[in-house]
Protein backbone atom coordinates (compact mmCIF):
# COMPACT_ATOMS: atom_id res chain seq x y z
CA MET A 1 -4.42 -15.92 8.78
CA LEU A 2 -6.22 -15.73 5.47
CA ALA A 3 -4.27 -15.49 2.21
CA PHE A 4 -5.77 -15.18 -1.26
CA TYR A 5 -4.18 -16.51 -4.45
CA ALA A 6 -4.74 -16.34 -8.20
CA ASP A 7 -1.58 -17.99 -9.51
CA HIS A 8 -3.51 -20.66 -11.40
CA PHE A 9 -4.77 -17.93 -13.76
CA VAL A 10 -1.56 -17.86 -15.80
CA LEU A 11 -0.84 -15.36 -18.55
CA PRO A 12 0.53 -16.91 -21.75
CA LEU A 13 3.75 -14.95 -22.23
CA PRO A 14 6.22 -15.24 -25.10
CA PRO A 15 9.58 -16.97 -24.47
CA GLY A 16 12.09 -14.70 -22.77
CA HIS A 17 9.49 -12.27 -21.41
CA ARG A 18 11.01 -10.51 -18.42
CA PHE A 19 7.99 -10.70 -16.11
CA PRO A 20 8.53 -13.54 -13.58
CA MET A 21 5.04 -15.05 -13.78
CA CYS A 22 6.11 -18.29 -12.11
CA LYS A 23 6.98 -16.48 -8.88
CA TYR A 24 3.33 -16.60 -7.82
CA SER A 25 2.94 -20.35 -7.93
CA MET A 26 6.38 -20.68 -6.32
CA LEU A 27 5.25 -18.32 -3.56
CA ARG A 28 2.07 -20.28 -2.87
CA ASP A 29 4.10 -23.50 -2.67
CA ALA A 30 6.60 -21.84 -0.33
CA VAL A 31 4.06 -20.38 2.09
CA MET A 32 2.08 -23.62 2.20
CA ARG A 33 5.30 -25.42 3.11
CA ASP A 34 6.99 -22.90 5.39
CA VAL A 35 4.37 -20.63 6.99
CA ARG A 36 2.16 -22.06 9.69
CA GLY A 37 -1.35 -20.93 10.44
CA LEU A 38 -2.33 -19.96 6.87
CA THR A 39 -5.71 -20.61 5.33
CA LEU A 40 -5.59 -20.15 1.56
CA HIS A 41 -8.55 -19.15 -0.59
CA GLU A 42 -8.92 -18.62 -4.32
CA ALA A 43 -9.18 -14.94 -5.13
CA PRO A 44 -12.69 -13.72 -5.96
CA ARG A 45 -13.34 -11.93 -9.24
CA ALA A 46 -13.85 -8.16 -9.33
CA ASP A 47 -16.81 -7.24 -11.55
CA ASP A 48 -17.15 -4.21 -13.82
CA ASP A 49 -18.99 -2.13 -11.22
CA THR A 50 -16.19 -2.69 -8.73
CA LEU A 51 -13.44 -1.92 -11.23
CA ALA A 52 -15.31 1.26 -12.17
CA LEU A 53 -14.71 2.64 -8.69
CA ALA A 54 -11.17 3.39 -9.86
CA HIS A 55 -11.22 3.02 -13.66
CA THR A 56 -13.18 4.51 -16.53
CA ALA A 57 -15.93 2.44 -18.10
CA ALA A 58 -14.28 2.82 -21.51
CA TYR A 59 -10.96 1.43 -20.28
CA ILE A 60 -12.62 -1.53 -18.55
CA ALA A 61 -14.56 -2.35 -21.71
CA GLU A 62 -11.52 -2.05 -23.96
CA VAL A 63 -9.39 -4.27 -21.74
CA SER A 64 -12.13 -6.86 -21.37
CA ALA A 65 -12.76 -7.07 -25.13
CA GLY A 66 -9.12 -6.90 -26.16
CA GLN A 67 -9.66 -3.59 -27.94
CA LEU A 68 -6.73 -1.57 -26.61
CA ASP A 69 -4.55 -0.24 -29.38
CA ALA A 70 -1.03 -1.62 -29.77
CA THR A 71 0.62 1.33 -27.99
CA ARG A 72 -1.57 1.08 -24.89
CA GLN A 73 -1.23 -2.70 -24.77
CA ARG A 74 2.54 -2.39 -25.07
CA GLU A 75 2.55 0.11 -22.18
CA ILE A 76 0.99 -2.57 -19.97
CA GLY A 77 3.79 -4.92 -20.98
CA PHE A 78 1.70 -8.04 -21.56
CA PRO A 79 0.13 -9.31 -24.77
CA TRP A 80 -3.66 -9.29 -24.48
CA SER A 81 -5.37 -12.55 -23.55
CA HIS A 82 -8.50 -13.68 -21.75
CA GLU A 83 -6.16 -14.95 -19.03
CA MET A 84 -4.65 -11.48 -18.61
CA VAL A 85 -8.10 -10.01 -18.04
CA GLU A 86 -9.22 -12.74 -15.65
CA ARG A 87 -6.02 -12.66 -13.61
CA SER A 88 -6.21 -8.88 -13.31
CA ARG A 89 -9.80 -9.06 -12.08
CA ARG A 90 -8.85 -11.76 -9.58
CA SER A 91 -5.86 -9.79 -8.34
CA ALA A 92 -8.12 -6.83 -7.54
CA GLY A 93 -10.65 -9.17 -5.95
CA ALA A 94 -7.93 -10.68 -3.77
CA THR A 95 -6.97 -7.31 -2.32
CA ILE A 96 -10.62 -6.52 -1.61
CA ALA A 97 -10.97 -9.90 0.13
CA ALA A 98 -7.77 -9.31 2.11
CA CYS A 99 -9.09 -5.91 3.26
CA ARG A 100 -12.34 -7.48 4.43
CA ALA A 101 -10.48 -10.25 6.24
CA ALA A 102 -8.14 -7.73 7.84
CA LEU A 103 -11.09 -5.84 9.29
CA GLU A 104 -12.11 -9.06 11.06
CA GLN A 105 -8.73 -10.56 11.90
CA GLY A 106 -6.31 -7.64 11.96
CA VAL A 107 -4.20 -8.74 8.99
CA ALA A 108 -4.62 -10.68 5.75
CA VAL A 109 -2.61 -11.16 2.57
CA ASN A 110 -3.00 -11.13 -1.20
CA LEU A 111 -0.30 -13.41 -2.63
CA ALA A 112 -0.18 -11.13 -5.68
CA GLY A 113 -1.49 -7.60 -6.23
CA GLY A 114 0.22 -4.29 -5.78
CA THR A 115 -0.58 -3.25 -9.36
CA HIS A 116 0.14 0.39 -8.69
CA HIS A 117 1.12 1.58 -12.19
CA ALA A 118 -2.44 1.28 -13.54
CA TYR A 119 -4.18 4.64 -14.07
CA ALA A 120 -7.91 5.26 -14.30
CA ASP A 121 -7.84 5.07 -18.09
CA LYS A 122 -4.72 3.06 -18.91
CA GLY A 123 -2.38 0.38 -17.64
CA GLY A 124 1.38 0.36 -17.37
CA GLY A 125 4.38 -1.47 -15.98
CA PHE A 126 2.73 -4.93 -15.89
CA CYS A 127 -0.34 -3.47 -14.17
CA VAL A 128 -3.84 -3.64 -15.70
CA PHE A 129 -6.22 -2.70 -12.87
CA ASN A 130 -5.14 -0.85 -9.73
CA ASP A 131 -6.03 -3.23 -6.91
CA ALA A 132 -5.22 -0.89 -4.00
CA ALA A 133 -7.31 1.99 -5.35
CA ILE A 134 -10.16 -0.38 -6.23
CA ALA A 135 -10.09 -2.04 -2.81
CA ALA A 136 -10.00 1.25 -0.92
CA ARG A 137 -12.99 2.55 -2.85
CA ARG A 138 -14.92 -0.73 -2.56
CA LEU A 139 -14.51 -0.90 1.22
CA GLN A 140 -15.63 2.70 1.42
CA ARG A 141 -18.64 2.05 -0.80
CA ASP A 142 -19.62 -0.88 1.37
CA GLY A 143 -19.53 1.36 4.44
CA SER A 144 -16.78 -0.75 6.04
CA VAL A 145 -14.30 2.13 6.37
CA ARG A 146 -14.17 5.85 5.78
CA ARG A 147 -10.46 6.57 5.46
CA VAL A 148 -7.72 4.37 3.99
CA ALA A 149 -3.94 4.75 3.83
CA VAL A 150 -1.94 3.06 1.09
CA ILE A 151 1.66 2.39 2.19
CA ASP A 152 3.55 1.62 -1.02
CA LEU A 153 7.02 0.21 -0.42
CA ASP A 154 7.62 -1.18 -3.87
CA VAL A 155 10.88 0.23 -5.27
CA HIS A 156 8.95 1.92 -8.09
CA GLN A 157 6.70 4.88 -7.36
CA GLY A 158 2.98 4.14 -7.25
CA ASN A 159 2.21 6.60 -10.01
CA GLY A 160 -1.14 5.13 -11.02
CA THR A 161 -2.37 5.02 -7.42
CA ALA A 162 -1.28 8.61 -6.86
CA SER A 163 -3.07 9.74 -10.02
CA ILE A 164 -6.35 7.94 -9.32
CA LEU A 165 -6.52 9.14 -5.72
CA ARG A 166 -4.96 12.59 -6.16
CA ASP A 167 -8.11 14.55 -5.36
CA ASP A 168 -9.53 12.12 -2.80
CA PRO A 169 -9.02 13.38 0.76
CA THR A 170 -10.32 10.08 2.19
CA VAL A 171 -7.34 8.04 0.93
CA PHE A 172 -3.74 8.88 1.83
CA THR A 173 -1.02 7.64 -0.54
CA LEU A 174 2.54 7.14 0.72
CA SER A 175 5.22 5.99 -1.72
CA LEU A 176 8.81 5.21 -0.67
CA HIS A 177 10.73 4.47 -3.85
CA GLY A 178 13.92 4.80 -5.87
CA GLU A 179 14.06 8.42 -6.99
CA LYS A 180 15.87 7.66 -10.26
CA ASN A 181 13.97 4.48 -11.05
CA TYR A 182 10.85 3.82 -13.13
CA PRO A 183 8.50 5.59 -13.64
CA PHE A 184 10.69 8.43 -14.81
CA ARG A 185 7.73 10.81 -14.77
CA LYS A 186 6.47 10.66 -11.20
CA GLU A 187 2.98 11.60 -10.03
CA ALA A 188 2.29 13.43 -6.77
CA SER A 189 1.36 11.11 -3.91
CA ASP A 190 0.20 12.60 -0.64
CA LEU A 191 3.69 11.77 0.60
CA ASP A 192 6.58 10.81 -1.69
CA VAL A 193 9.99 9.79 -0.39
CA GLY A 194 12.57 9.37 -3.15
CA LEU A 195 15.60 7.29 -2.23
CA PRO A 196 19.05 7.34 -3.87
CA ASP A 197 20.49 4.39 -5.74
CA GLY A 198 22.37 2.11 -3.34
CA CYS A 199 20.21 2.98 -0.32
CA ASP A 200 21.03 0.45 2.43
CA ASP A 201 19.12 -1.08 5.35
CA ASP A 202 19.78 1.66 7.90
CA ALA A 203 19.10 4.59 5.57
CA TYR A 204 15.91 2.93 4.36
CA ALA A 205 14.66 2.26 7.90
CA ALA A 206 15.34 5.87 8.91
CA ALA A 207 13.44 7.18 5.87
CA LEU A 208 10.54 4.81 6.51
CA ALA A 209 10.30 5.76 10.20
CA THR A 210 10.05 9.44 9.29
CA ALA A 211 7.52 8.73 6.55
CA LEU A 212 5.27 6.68 8.83
CA ASP A 213 5.40 9.36 11.52
CA THR A 214 4.44 11.96 8.93
CA LEU A 215 1.58 9.85 7.56
CA PHE A 216 -0.04 9.37 10.95
CA ALA A 217 0.54 12.98 11.97
CA ARG A 218 -1.37 14.10 8.88
CA PHE A 219 -4.01 11.40 8.50
CA ALA A 220 -6.09 9.06 10.67
CA PRO A 221 -6.96 5.95 8.61
CA ASP A 222 -9.38 3.16 9.44
CA LEU A 223 -7.46 0.65 7.27
CA LEU A 224 -3.96 0.21 5.88
CA ILE A 225 -3.19 -1.34 2.49
CA TYR A 226 0.50 -2.27 2.39
CA LEU A 227 2.35 -2.91 -0.87
CA ALA A 228 5.33 -4.99 0.25
CA GLY A 229 7.46 -5.04 -2.89
CA ALA A 230 10.38 -7.46 -3.01
CA ASP A 231 12.27 -5.24 -5.45
CA PRO A 232 14.18 -3.09 -2.91
CA HIS A 233 16.24 -6.27 -2.34
CA GLU A 234 19.93 -6.04 -3.20
CA GLY A 235 19.58 -8.93 -5.65
CA ASP A 236 16.80 -7.36 -7.72
CA ARG A 237 17.74 -6.60 -11.32
CA LEU A 238 15.36 -3.61 -11.53
CA GLY A 239 15.61 -2.30 -7.98
CA ARG A 240 18.93 -0.42 -7.63
CA LEU A 241 18.62 -0.34 -3.81
CA LYS A 242 20.71 -2.47 -1.43
CA LEU A 243 18.34 -3.87 1.18
CA THR A 244 19.27 -7.25 2.64
CA MET A 245 16.79 -9.89 3.77
CA ALA A 246 17.24 -8.58 7.31
CA GLY A 247 16.59 -5.04 6.15
CA LEU A 248 13.39 -6.08 4.41
CA ALA A 249 12.27 -7.94 7.53
CA ARG A 250 12.86 -4.73 9.50
CA ARG A 251 10.82 -2.81 6.92
CA ASP A 252 7.85 -5.18 7.19
CA SER A 253 8.06 -5.28 10.97
CA MET A 254 8.01 -1.49 11.15
CA VAL A 255 4.81 -1.37 9.13
CA PHE A 256 3.15 -4.08 11.21
CA GLU A 257 4.23 -2.32 14.41
CA ALA A 258 2.76 0.94 13.15
CA ALA A 259 -0.53 -0.90 12.58
CA ARG A 260 -0.39 -2.60 15.99
CA THR A 261 0.27 0.52 18.03
CA ARG A 262 -2.68 2.27 16.38
CA GLY A 263 -5.04 -0.69 16.37
CA LEU A 264 -5.38 -0.61 12.58
CA PRO A 265 -6.25 -3.53 10.29
CA ILE A 266 -3.73 -4.10 7.51
CA ALA A 267 -4.08 -5.85 4.15
CA VAL A 268 -0.83 -6.84 2.46
CA ALA A 269 -0.15 -7.20 -1.28
CA MET A 270 3.10 -8.51 -2.74
CA ALA A 271 3.78 -5.91 -5.50
CA GLY A 272 6.96 -6.18 -7.58
CA GLY A 273 10.03 -8.38 -7.50
CA TYR A 274 12.48 -9.11 -10.30
CA GLY A 275 15.40 -10.89 -8.70
CA ASN A 276 18.42 -12.00 -10.69
CA GLN A 277 17.54 -15.28 -9.02
CA ILE A 278 13.79 -15.76 -8.84
CA GLU A 279 14.28 -17.78 -5.67
CA ASP A 280 15.46 -14.58 -3.96
CA THR A 281 12.25 -12.78 -4.89
CA VAL A 282 10.15 -15.69 -3.63
CA ALA A 283 12.16 -15.73 -0.39
CA VAL A 284 11.47 -12.01 0.20
CA HIS A 285 7.74 -12.45 -0.40
CA THR A 286 7.65 -15.58 1.77
CA GLN A 287 9.37 -13.69 4.58
CA THR A 288 6.71 -10.96 4.36
CA VAL A 289 3.90 -13.52 4.55
CA ALA A 290 5.61 -15.27 7.48
CA LEU A 291 5.94 -11.99 9.37
CA ALA A 292 2.29 -11.20 8.66
CA ALA A 293 1.29 -14.63 10.00
CA ARG A 294 3.39 -14.08 13.11
CA TYR A 295 1.73 -10.71 13.58
CA HIS A 296 -1.66 -12.40 13.24
CA GLU A 297 -0.69 -14.88 15.96
CA GLN A 298 0.28 -12.01 18.25
CA LEU A 299 -3.04 -10.29 17.66
CA ALA A 300 -4.94 -13.50 18.31
CA ALA A 301 -2.97 -14.19 21.50
CA ALA A 302 -3.79 -10.68 22.72
CA GLY A 303 -7.46 -11.23 21.95
CA VAL A 304 -7.42 -8.45 19.36
CA CYS A 305 -8.74 -10.61 16.51
CA THR A 306 -10.26 -13.99 15.79
CA SER A 307 -7.85 -16.81 15.02
């Protein structure tokens, strides 16, 4: 299975910054050690024309030149740097590459991505460019797919994705998230499922099963983009849900099974994760990648995809 990484493009963050930048290099080390059958590639770089499929030209130019005002830069949550811009371009490129690989092999992974708080004309919540929206539009522009579903299971609502794709009937946005969590002003996805604080494994699985049934009853995608956030984990300091490792494995398996039964390619992005112990976040992401690799093996054994 192909996996794409950009962890060597590191943002220079001030001491004590709450974003766990090191989780990406830790994740690459973990999957190289613990997940068999992976082939890792450096993430390609998304150019301006590709970014413009989901973002305004003015916003792209301002980000690239470091010309955002202090308020808009603060909303992103990172200080501006050339590394911030390059990493954000690579993260979008990685999801595009994972989508292309998934069309050939059934499943592929971006070891970062899931930057779903970025709007067309602004960033937010540690998100600069919206990789899922960009990738969906790029695959459509290339003629590879017509209809895409974004399954966003980060604990925070995919407000930027919902906003960018609100009037686009060719992309279906599903967000399953903490109802009382960030962002406190939600956008309207095609399907939003708000969960109460303390939601456990069984309640989450029941909500997800209903949401997936609803998605596929209303929409027939050619491709799935899955944001597999680690932040619903019970040990996440920003999550407020109570999913165990087993519950998150069930979540991932349900999404992969939904793809399998419908013969749909699926590209996976890691999205958020802010564990009290960063090792817990890395373990959740590693488990997702391992389950994706196992799913790839099953597809290959069934002759569904190339190995």
